[in-house]
PDB file of all heavy atoms in Angstrom:
ATOM      1  N   GLU A   1     101.104 156.574 132.951  1.00  0.00           N
ATOM      2  CA  GLU A   1      99.868 155.802 132.765  1.00  0.00           C
ATOM      3  C   GLU A   1      99.694 155.488 131.255  1.00  0.00           C
ATOM      4  O   GLU A   1      99.249 154.350 130.944  1.00  0.00           O
ATOM      5  CB  GLU A   1      98.682 156.643 133.224  1.00  0.00           C
ATOM      6  CG  GLU A   1      97.375 155.842 133.322  1.00  0.00           C
ATOM      7  CD  GLU A   1      97.406 154.761 134.393  1.00  0.00           C
ATOM      8  OE1 GLU A   1      98.151 154.980 135.377  1.00  0.00           O
ATOM      9  OE2 GLU A   1      96.711 153.763 134.210  1.00  0.00           O
ATOM     10  N   ALA A   2     100.071 156.371 130.379  1.00  0.00           N
ATOM     11  CA  ALA A   2      99.981 156.116 128.967  1.00  0.00           C
ATOM     12  C   ALA A   2     100.959 155.043 128.547  1.00  0.00           C
ATOM     13  O   ALA A   2     100.618 154.166 127.721  1.00  0.00           O
ATOM     14  CB  ALA A   2     100.223 157.398 128.207  1.00  0.00           C
ATOM     15  N   GLU A   3     102.167 155.070 129.081  1.00  0.00           N
ATOM     16  CA  GLU A   3     103.159 154.038 128.848  1.00  0.00           C
ATOM     17  C   GLU A   3     102.722 152.674 129.274  1.00  0.00           C
ATOM     18  O   GLU A   3     102.910 151.676 128.583  1.00  0.00           O
ATOM     19  CB  GLU A   3     104.500 154.427 129.459  1.00  0.00           C
ATOM     20  CG  GLU A   3     105.162 155.657 128.820  1.00  0.00           C
ATOM     21  CD  GLU A   3     106.424 156.021 129.498  1.00  0.00           C
ATOM     22  OE1 GLU A   3     106.717 155.485 130.592  1.00  0.00           O
ATOM     23  OE2 GLU A   3     107.134 156.908 129.002  1.00  0.00           O
ATOM     24  N   VAL A   4     102.126 152.592 130.488  1.00  0.00           N
ATOM     25  CA  VAL A   4     101.635 151.329 131.002  1.00  0.00           C
ATOM     26  C   VAL A   4     100.506 150.815 130.127  1.00  0.00           C
ATOM     27  O   VAL A   4     100.459 149.620 129.829  1.00  0.00           O
ATOM     28  CB  VAL A   4     101.137 151.501 132.469  1.00  0.00           C
ATOM     29  CG1 VAL A   4     100.381 150.233 132.944  1.00  0.00           C
ATOM     30  CG2 VAL A   4     102.302 151.790 133.366  1.00  0.00           C
ATOM     31  N   SER A   5      99.594 151.668 129.714  1.00  0.00           N
ATOM     32  CA  SER A   5      98.483 151.263 128.846  1.00  0.00           C
ATOM     33  C   SER A   5      98.993 150.746 127.513  1.00  0.00           C
ATOM     34  O   SER A   5      98.496 149.688 127.012  1.00  0.00           O
ATOM     35  CB  SER A   5      97.521 152.426 128.599  1.00  0.00           C
ATOM     36  OG  SER A   5      96.956 152.883 129.803  1.00  0.00           O
ATOM     37  N   LYS A   6     100.044 151.407 126.971  1.00  0.00           N
ATOM     38  CA  LYS A   6     100.557 150.922 125.697  1.00  0.00           C
ATOM     39  C   LYS A   6     101.257 149.595 125.896  1.00  0.00           C
ATOM     40  O   LYS A   6     101.143 148.691 125.028  1.00  0.00           O
ATOM     41  CB  LYS A   6     101.598 151.968 125.207  1.00  0.00           C
ATOM     42  CG  LYS A   6     102.257 151.598 123.884  1.00  0.00           C
ATOM     43  CD  LYS A   6     103.273 152.633 123.406  1.00  0.00           C
ATOM     44  CE  LYS A   6     103.944 152.212 122.131  1.00  0.00           C
ATOM     45  NZ  LYS A   6     104.986 153.236 121.744  1.00  0.00           N
ATOM     46  N   LEU A   7     101.960 149.451 126.996  1.00  0.00           N
ATOM     47  CA  LEU A   7     102.670 148.156 127.278  1.00  0.00           C
ATOM     48  C   LEU A   7     101.630 147.030 127.447  1.00  0.00           C
ATOM     49  O   LEU A   7     101.816 145.910 126.943  1.00  0.00           O
ATOM     50  CB  LEU A   7     103.501 148.294 128.552  1.00  0.00           C
ATOM     51  CG  LEU A   7     104.321 147.057 128.991  1.00  0.00           C
ATOM     52  CD1 LEU A   7     105.304 146.644 127.887  1.00  0.00           C
ATOM     53  CD2 LEU A   7     105.055 147.337 130.268  1.00  0.00           C
ATOM     54  N   PHE A   8     100.531 147.304 128.110  1.00  0.00           N
ATOM     55  CA  PHE A   8      99.453 146.335 128.258  1.00  0.00           C
ATOM     56  C   PHE A   8      98.891 145.929 126.893  1.00  0.00           C
ATOM     57  O   PHE A   8      98.676 144.757 126.636  1.00  0.00           O
ATOM     58  CB  PHE A   8      98.300 146.869 129.155  1.00  0.00           C
ATOM     59  CG  PHE A   8      98.396 146.380 130.563  1.00  0.00           C
ATOM     60  CD1 PHE A   8      98.719 147.226 131.603  1.00  0.00           C
ATOM     61  CD2 PHE A   8      98.166 145.052 130.851  1.00  0.00           C
ATOM     62  CE1 PHE A   8      98.769 146.808 132.892  1.00  0.00           C
ATOM     63  CE2 PHE A   8      98.190 144.583 132.184  1.00  0.00           C
ATOM     64  CZ  PHE A   8      98.533 145.483 133.175  1.00  0.00           C
ATOM     65  N   ARG A   9      98.589 146.933 126.065  1.00  0.00           N
ATOM     66  CA  ARG A   9      98.030 146.662 124.762  1.00  0.00           C
ATOM     67  C   ARG A   9      98.990 145.770 123.945  1.00  0.00           C
ATOM     68  O   ARG A   9      98.590 144.795 123.314  1.00  0.00           O
ATOM     69  CB  ARG A   9      97.711 147.940 124.020  1.00  0.00           C
ATOM     70  CG  ARG A   9      96.505 148.670 124.550  1.00  0.00           C
ATOM     71  CD  ARG A   9      96.040 149.731 123.548  1.00  0.00           C
ATOM     72  NE  ARG A   9      97.090 150.692 123.209  1.00  0.00           N
ATOM     73  CZ  ARG A   9      97.343 151.790 123.884  1.00  0.00           C
ATOM     74  NH1 ARG A   9      96.650 152.112 124.929  1.00  0.00           N
ATOM     75  NH2 ARG A   9      98.343 152.598 123.502  1.00  0.00           N
ATOM     76  N   ASN A  10     100.217 146.175 123.897  1.00  0.00           N
ATOM     77  CA  ASN A  10     101.195 145.416 123.093  1.00  0.00           C
ATOM     78  C   ASN A  10     101.431 144.002 123.614  1.00  0.00           C
ATOM     79  O   ASN A  10     101.457 143.055 122.850  1.00  0.00           O
ATOM     80  CB  ASN A  10     102.561 146.163 123.120  1.00  0.00           C
ATOM     81  CG  ASN A  10     102.503 147.459 122.329  1.00  0.00           C
ATOM     82  OD1 ASN A  10     101.667 147.641 121.446  1.00  0.00           O
ATOM     83  ND2 ASN A  10     103.447 148.370 122.561  1.00  0.00           N
ATOM     84  N   THR A  11     101.489 143.895 124.955  1.00  0.00           N
ATOM     85  CA  THR A  11     101.705 142.558 125.561  1.00  0.00           C
ATOM     86  C   THR A  11     100.541 141.649 125.297  1.00  0.00           C
ATOM     87  O   THR A  11     100.725 140.475 124.808  1.00  0.00           O
ATOM     88  CB  THR A  11     101.904 142.695 127.083  1.00  0.00           C
ATOM     89  OG1 THR A  11     103.051 143.514 127.366  1.00  0.00           O
ATOM     90  CG2 THR A  11     102.071 141.335 127.741  1.00  0.00           C
ATOM     91  N   TYR A  12      99.313 142.051 125.556  1.00  0.00           N
ATOM     92  CA  TYR A  12      98.162 141.159 125.449  1.00  0.00           C
ATOM     93  C   TYR A  12      97.799 140.931 123.951  1.00  0.00           C
ATOM     94  O   TYR A  12      97.237 139.887 123.641  1.00  0.00           O
ATOM     95  CB  TYR A  12      96.972 141.726 126.232  1.00  0.00           C
ATOM     96  CG  TYR A  12      97.137 141.401 127.697  1.00  0.00           C
ATOM     97  CD1 TYR A  12      97.833 142.318 128.542  1.00  0.00           C
ATOM     98  CD2 TYR A  12      96.699 140.220 128.249  1.00  0.00           C
ATOM     99  CE1 TYR A  12      97.999 142.018 129.899  1.00  0.00           C
ATOM    100  CE2 TYR A  12      96.875 139.920 129.611  1.00  0.00           C
ATOM    101  CZ  TYR A  12      97.534 140.851 130.409  1.00  0.00           C
ATOM    102  OH  TYR A  12      97.700 140.523 131.740  1.00  0.00           O
ATOM    103  N   SER A  13      98.092 141.896 123.106  1.00  0.00           N
ATOM    104  CA  SER A  13      97.879 141.667 121.661  1.00  0.00           C
ATOM    105  C   SER A  13      98.844 140.608 121.141  1.00  0.00           C
ATOM    106  O   SER A  13      98.437 139.677 120.418  1.00  0.00           O
ATOM    107  CB  SER A  13      98.087 142.966 120.890  1.00  0.00           C
ATOM    108  OG  SER A  13      97.151 143.932 121.228  1.00  0.00           O
ATOM    109  N   LEU A  14     100.113 140.709 121.535  1.00  0.00           N
ATOM    110  CA  LEU A  14     101.098 139.731 121.119  1.00  0.00           C
ATOM    111  C   LEU A  14     100.800 138.349 121.753  1.00  0.00           C
ATOM    112  O   LEU A  14     100.974 137.313 121.113  1.00  0.00           O
ATOM    113  CB  LEU A  14     102.520 140.212 121.480  1.00  0.00           C
ATOM    114  CG  LEU A  14     103.679 139.261 121.086  1.00  0.00           C
ATOM    115  CD1 LEU A  14     103.683 139.027 119.572  1.00  0.00           C
ATOM    116  CD2 LEU A  14     105.011 139.860 121.527  1.00  0.00           C
ATOM    117  N   LEU A  15     100.374 138.365 123.017  1.00  0.00           N
ATOM    118  CA  LEU A  15     100.030 137.160 123.708  1.00  0.00           C
ATOM    119  C   LEU A  15      98.905 136.412 122.998  1.00  0.00           C
ATOM    120  O   LEU A  15      98.939 135.199 122.807  1.00  0.00           O
ATOM    121  CB  LEU A  15      99.666 137.454 125.168  1.00  0.00           C
ATOM    122  CG  LEU A  15      99.276 136.229 126.008  1.00  0.00           C
ATOM    123  CD1 LEU A  15     100.485 135.271 126.162  1.00  0.00           C
ATOM    124  CD2 LEU A  15      98.825 136.658 127.417  1.00  0.00           C
ATOM    125  N   ALA A  16      97.873 137.172 122.602  1.00  0.00           N
ATOM    126  CA  ALA A  16      96.732 136.583 121.885  1.00  0.00           C
ATOM    127  C   ALA A  16      97.210 135.958 120.600  1.00  0.00           C
ATOM    128  O   ALA A  16      96.785 134.836 120.211  1.00  0.00           O
ATOM    129  CB  ALA A  16      95.652 137.632 121.641  1.00  0.00           C
ATOM    130  N   MET A  17      98.063 136.655 119.856  1.00  0.00           N
ATOM    131  CA  MET A  17      98.561 136.169 118.554  1.00  0.00           C
ATOM    132  C   MET A  17      99.428 134.914 118.712  1.00  0.00           C
ATOM    133  O   MET A  17      99.301 133.930 117.967  1.00  0.00           O
ATOM    134  CB  MET A  17      99.336 137.248 117.839  1.00  0.00           C
ATOM    135  CG  MET A  17      98.457 138.349 117.249  1.00  0.00           C
ATOM    136  SD  MET A  17      99.363 139.537 116.221  1.00  0.00           S
ATOM    137  CE  MET A  17     100.319 140.433 117.474  1.00  0.00           C
ATOM    138  N   THR A  18     100.281 134.906 119.737  1.00  0.00           N
ATOM    139  CA  THR A  18     101.165 133.752 119.953  1.00  0.00           C
ATOM    140  C   THR A  18     100.359 132.528 120.434  1.00  0.00           C
ATOM    141  O   THR A  18     100.644 131.395 120.060  1.00  0.00           O
ATOM    142  CB  THR A  18     102.260 134.062 120.980  1.00  0.00           C
ATOM    143  OG1 THR A  18     101.680 134.622 122.179  1.00  0.00           O
ATOM    144  CG2 THR A  18     103.266 135.079 120.396  1.00  0.00           C
ATOM    145  N   LEU A  19      99.309 132.794 121.267  1.00  0.00           N
ATOM    146  CA  LEU A  19      98.519 131.667 121.696  1.00  0.00           C
ATOM    147  C   LEU A  19      97.731 131.046 120.506  1.00  0.00           C
ATOM    148  O   LEU A  19      97.621 129.794 120.399  1.00  0.00           O
ATOM    149  CB  LEU A  19      97.486 132.109 122.748  1.00  0.00           C
ATOM    150  CG  LEU A  19      98.053 132.393 124.161  1.00  0.00           C
ATOM    151  CD1 LEU A  19      96.995 133.094 125.046  1.00  0.00           C
ATOM    152  CD2 LEU A  19      98.542 131.088 124.803  1.00  0.00           C
ATOM    153  N   ALA A  20      97.238 131.920 119.644  1.00  0.00           N
ATOM    154  CA  ALA A  20      96.547 131.411 118.454  1.00  0.00           C
ATOM    155  C   ALA A  20      97.484 130.663 117.525  1.00  0.00           C
ATOM    156  O   ALA A  20      97.165 129.587 116.999  1.00  0.00           O
ATOM    157  CB  ALA A  20      95.901 132.584 117.714  1.00  0.00           C
ATOM    158  N   PHE A  21      98.700 131.193 117.350  1.00  0.00           N
ATOM    159  CA  PHE A  21      99.669 130.569 116.490  1.00  0.00           C
ATOM    160  C   PHE A  21     100.125 129.200 117.059  1.00  0.00           C
ATOM    161  O   PHE A  21     100.193 128.192 116.355  1.00  0.00           O
ATOM    162  CB  PHE A  21     100.904 131.484 116.319  1.00  0.00           C
ATOM    163  CG  PHE A  21     102.011 130.877 115.527  1.00  0.00           C
ATOM    164  CD1 PHE A  21     101.844 130.654 114.150  1.00  0.00           C
ATOM    165  CD2 PHE A  21     103.240 130.552 116.100  1.00  0.00           C
ATOM    166  CE1 PHE A  21     102.868 130.101 113.368  1.00  0.00           C
ATOM    167  CE2 PHE A  21     104.236 130.017 115.344  1.00  0.00           C
ATOM    168  CZ  PHE A  21     104.056 129.783 113.971  1.00  0.00           C
ATOM    169  N   SER A  22     100.327 129.151 118.369  1.00  0.00           N
ATOM    170  CA  SER A  22     100.685 127.910 119.045  1.00  0.00           C
ATOM    171  C   SER A  22      99.599 126.883 118.938  1.00  0.00           C
ATOM    172  O   SER A  22      99.900 125.694 118.722  1.00  0.00           O
ATOM    173  CB  SER A  22     101.051 128.223 120.520  1.00  0.00           C
ATOM    174  OG  SER A  22     101.456 127.042 121.161  1.00  0.00           O
ATOM    175  N   ALA A  23      98.377 127.329 119.037  1.00  0.00           N
ATOM    176  CA  ALA A  23      97.215 126.419 118.910  1.00  0.00           C
ATOM    177  C   ALA A  23      97.139 125.769 117.513  1.00  0.00           C
ATOM    178  O   ALA A  23      96.830 124.618 117.356  1.00  0.00           O
ATOM    179  CB  ALA A  23      95.905 127.101 119.272  1.00  0.00           C
ATOM    180  N   VAL A  24      97.416 126.628 116.507  1.00  0.00           N
ATOM    181  CA  VAL A  24      97.374 126.149 115.121  1.00  0.00           C
ATOM    182  C   VAL A  24      98.474 125.106 114.898  1.00  0.00           C
ATOM    183  O   VAL A  24      98.228 124.045 114.306  1.00  0.00           O
ATOM    184  CB  VAL A  24      97.530 127.332 114.140  1.00  0.00           C
ATOM    185  CG1 VAL A  24      97.748 126.816 112.738  1.00  0.00           C
ATOM    186  CG2 VAL A  24      96.279 128.233 114.175  1.00  0.00           C
ATOM    187  N   VAL A  25      99.670 125.421 115.391  1.00  0.00           N
ATOM    188  CA  VAL A  25     100.781 124.496 115.243  1.00  0.00           C
ATOM    189  C   VAL A  25     100.483 123.197 116.016  1.00  0.00           C
ATOM    190  O   VAL A  25     100.778 122.071 115.498  1.00  0.00           O
ATOM    191  CB  VAL A  25     102.121 125.082 115.739  1.00  0.00           C
ATOM    192  CG1 VAL A  25     103.246 124.062 115.741  1.00  0.00           C
ATOM    193  CG2 VAL A  25     102.469 126.337 114.908  1.00  0.00           C
ATOM    194  N   ALA A  26      99.920 123.301 117.188  1.00  0.00           N
ATOM    195  CA  ALA A  26      99.522 122.087 117.968  1.00  0.00           C
ATOM    196  C   ALA A  26      98.527 121.267 117.182  1.00  0.00           C
ATOM    197  O   ALA A  26      98.598 120.027 117.167  1.00  0.00           O
ATOM    198  CB  ALA A  26      98.981 122.497 119.318  1.00  0.00           C
ATOM    199  N   PHE A  27      97.553 121.921 116.577  1.00  0.00           N
ATOM    200  CA  PHE A  27      96.531 121.200 115.771  1.00  0.00           C
ATOM    201  C   PHE A  27      97.204 120.444 114.605  1.00  0.00           C
ATOM    202  O   PHE A  27      96.867 119.321 114.310  1.00  0.00           O
ATOM    203  CB  PHE A  27      95.487 122.165 115.268  1.00  0.00           C
ATOM    204  CG  PHE A  27      94.432 121.531 114.390  1.00  0.00           C
ATOM    205  CD1 PHE A  27      93.441 120.768 114.953  1.00  0.00           C
ATOM    206  CD2 PHE A  27      94.486 121.721 113.018  1.00  0.00           C
ATOM    207  CE1 PHE A  27      92.480 120.191 114.127  1.00  0.00           C
ATOM    208  CE2 PHE A  27      93.535 121.109 112.217  1.00  0.00           C
ATOM    209  CZ  PHE A  27      92.521 120.344 112.776  1.00  0.00           C
ATOM    210  N   ILE A  28      98.137 121.123 113.926  1.00  0.00           N
ATOM    211  CA  ILE A  28      98.820 120.486 112.796  1.00  0.00           C
ATOM    212  C   ILE A  28      99.657 119.324 113.278  1.00  0.00           C
ATOM    213  O   ILE A  28      99.657 118.215 112.697  1.00  0.00           O
ATOM    214  CB  ILE A  28      99.758 121.507 112.109  1.00  0.00           C
ATOM    215  CG1 ILE A  28      98.890 122.600 111.416  1.00  0.00           C
ATOM    216  CG2 ILE A  28     100.635 120.842 111.078  1.00  0.00           C
ATOM    217  CD1 ILE A  28      99.712 123.752 110.832  1.00  0.00           C
ATOM    218  N   SER A  29     100.281 119.498 114.457  1.00  0.00           N
ATOM    219  CA  SER A  29     101.120 118.432 115.036  1.00  0.00           C
ATOM    220  C   SER A  29     100.254 117.216 115.370  1.00  0.00           C
ATOM    221  O   SER A  29     100.647 116.066 115.204  1.00  0.00           O
ATOM    222  CB  SER A  29     101.839 118.950 116.249  1.00  0.00           C
ATOM    223  OG  SER A  29     102.573 117.905 116.920  1.00  0.00           O
ATOM    224  N   MET A  30      99.040 117.510 115.912  1.00  0.00           N
ATOM    225  CA  MET A  30      98.118 116.441 116.227  1.00  0.00           C
ATOM    226  C   MET A  30      97.621 115.723 114.992  1.00  0.00           C
ATOM    227  O   MET A  30      97.528 114.501 114.960  1.00  0.00           O
ATOM    228  CB  MET A  30      96.931 117.021 117.026  1.00  0.00           C
ATOM    229  CG  MET A  30      97.257 117.491 118.426  1.00  0.00           C
ATOM    230  SD  MET A  30      95.855 118.409 119.137  1.00  0.00           S
ATOM    231  CE  MET A  30      94.574 117.137 119.135  1.00  0.00           C
ATOM    232  N   SER A  31      97.241 116.499 113.987  1.00  0.00           N
ATOM    233  CA  SER A  31      96.669 115.956 112.790  1.00  0.00           C
ATOM    234  C   SER A  31      97.651 115.099 112.030  1.00  0.00           C
ATOM    235  O   SER A  31      97.278 114.023 111.498  1.00  0.00           O
ATOM    236  CB  SER A  31      96.201 117.097 111.845  1.00  0.00           C
ATOM    237  OG  SER A  31      95.232 117.894 112.472  1.00  0.00           O
ATOM    238  N   LEU A  32      98.905 115.508 112.013  1.00  0.00           N
ATOM    239  CA  LEU A  32      99.962 114.720 111.329  1.00  0.00           C
ATOM    240  C   LEU A  32     100.556 113.638 112.216  1.00  0.00           C
ATOM    241  O   LEU A  32     101.411 112.844 111.738  1.00  0.00           O
ATOM    242  CB  LEU A  32     101.066 115.646 110.870  1.00  0.00           C
ATOM    243  CG  LEU A  32     100.689 116.748 109.829  1.00  0.00           C
ATOM    244  CD1 LEU A  32     101.851 117.612 109.494  1.00  0.00           C
ATOM    245  CD2 LEU A  32     100.112 116.082 108.577  1.00  0.00           C
ATOM    246  N   ARG A  33     100.117 113.633 113.525  1.00  0.00           N
ATOM    247  CA  ARG A  33     100.594 112.699 114.515  1.00  0.00           C
ATOM    248  C   ARG A  33     102.186 112.685 114.545  1.00  0.00           C
ATOM    249  O   ARG A  33     102.804 111.625 114.473  1.00  0.00           O
ATOM    250  CB  ARG A  33     100.072 111.283 114.187  1.00  0.00           C
ATOM    251  CG  ARG A  33      98.581 111.167 114.376  1.00  0.00           C
ATOM    252  CD  ARG A  33      98.091 109.764 114.488  1.00  0.00           C
ATOM    253  NE  ARG A  33      96.679 109.727 114.883  1.00  0.00           N
ATOM    254  CZ  ARG A  33      96.205 109.791 116.119  1.00  0.00           C
ATOM    255  NH1 ARG A  33      97.096 109.902 117.127  1.00  0.00           N
ATOM    256  NH2 ARG A  33      94.926 109.755 116.393  1.00  0.00           N
ATOM    257  N   LEU A  34     102.687 113.880 114.628  1.00  0.00           N
ATOM    258  CA  LEU A  34     104.142 114.018 114.683  1.00  0.00           C
ATOM    259  C   LEU A  34     104.632 113.509 116.018  1.00  0.00           C
ATOM    260  O   LEU A  34     103.974 113.670 117.034  1.00  0.00           O
ATOM    261  CB  LEU A  34     104.547 115.514 114.514  1.00  0.00           C
ATOM    262  CG  LEU A  34     104.135 116.136 113.165  1.00  0.00           C
ATOM    263  CD1 LEU A  34     104.514 117.627 113.185  1.00  0.00           C
ATOM    264  CD2 LEU A  34     104.818 115.429 112.026  1.00  0.00           C
ATOM    265  N   PRO A  35     105.829 112.928 116.026  1.00  0.00           N
ATOM    266  CA  PRO A  35     106.370 112.394 117.289  1.00  0.00           C
ATOM    267  C   PRO A  35     106.888 113.526 118.178  1.00  0.00           C
ATOM    268  O   PRO A  35     107.283 114.591 117.675  1.00  0.00           O
ATOM    269  CB  PRO A  35     107.512 111.498 116.855  1.00  0.00           C
ATOM    270  CG  PRO A  35     107.979 112.120 115.549  1.00  0.00           C
ATOM    271  CD  PRO A  35     106.733 112.663 114.879  1.00  0.00           C
ATOM    272  N   HIS A  36     106.877 113.273 119.465  1.00  0.00           N
ATOM    273  CA  HIS A  36     107.421 114.243 120.410  1.00  0.00           C
ATOM    274  C   HIS A  36     108.934 114.293 120.241  1.00  0.00           C
ATOM    275  O   HIS A  36     109.605 113.256 120.097  1.00  0.00           O
ATOM    276  CB  HIS A  36     107.074 113.869 121.840  1.00  0.00           C
ATOM    277  CG  HIS A  36     107.286 114.979 122.855  1.00  0.00           C
ATOM    278  ND1 HIS A  36     108.539 115.233 123.388  1.00  0.00           N
ATOM    279  CD2 HIS A  36     106.454 115.874 123.373  1.00  0.00           C
ATOM    280  CE1 HIS A  36     108.439 116.245 124.204  1.00  0.00           C
ATOM    281  NE2 HIS A  36     107.197 116.670 124.235  1.00  0.00           N
ATOM    282  N   PRO A  37     109.552 115.468 120.236  1.00  0.00           N
ATOM    283  CA  PRO A  37     110.974 115.593 120.052  1.00  0.00           C
ATOM    284  C   PRO A  37     111.835 114.978 121.136  1.00  0.00           C
ATOM    285  O   PRO A  37     113.042 114.788 120.987  1.00  0.00           O
ATOM    286  CB  PRO A  37     111.227 117.102 119.884  1.00  0.00           C
ATOM    287  CG  PRO A  37     110.078 117.709 120.606  1.00  0.00           C
ATOM    288  CD  PRO A  37     108.950 116.801 120.371  1.00  0.00           C
ATOM    289  N   GLY A  38     111.254 114.689 122.287  1.00  0.00           N
ATOM    290  CA  GLY A  38     112.039 114.170 123.402  1.00  0.00           C
ATOM    291  C   GLY A  38     112.473 115.276 124.353  1.00  0.00           C
ATOM    292  O   GLY A  38     112.519 116.470 123.990  1.00  0.00           O
ATOM    293  N   LEU A  39     112.836 114.877 125.545  1.00  0.00           N
ATOM    294  CA  LEU A  39     113.156 115.843 126.573  1.00  0.00           C
ATOM    295  C   LEU A  39     114.367 116.706 126.257  1.00  0.00           C
ATOM    296  O   LEU A  39     114.366 117.917 126.378  1.00  0.00           O
ATOM    297  CB  LEU A  39     113.425 115.122 127.919  1.00  0.00           C
ATOM    298  CG  LEU A  39     113.774 116.041 129.084  1.00  0.00           C
ATOM    299  CD1 LEU A  39     112.679 116.961 129.430  1.00  0.00           C
ATOM    300  CD2 LEU A  39     114.155 115.182 130.304  1.00  0.00           C
ATOM    301  N   ILE A  40     115.445 116.078 125.718  1.00  0.00           N
ATOM    302  CA  ILE A  40     116.682 116.791 125.456  1.00  0.00           C
ATOM    303  C   ILE A  40     116.502 117.867 124.396  1.00  0.00           C
ATOM    304  O   ILE A  40     116.851 119.019 124.557  1.00  0.00           O
ATOM    305  CB  ILE A  40     117.879 115.827 125.050  1.00  0.00           C
ATOM    306  CG1 ILE A  40     118.097 114.782 126.156  1.00  0.00           C
ATOM    307  CG2 ILE A  40     119.064 116.628 124.736  1.00  0.00           C
ATOM    308  CD1 ILE A  40     118.498 115.406 127.480  1.00  0.00           C
TER     309      ILE A  40
END
């Protein structure tokens, strides 16, 4: 149970940080009107 709790804390803490980081990068990309890199 302690291992599961630790895994949950680590996972959701990292998830929150990556979502925030991705949102910041998306905002910068929008502000600079960077082109989409394309499908490939």
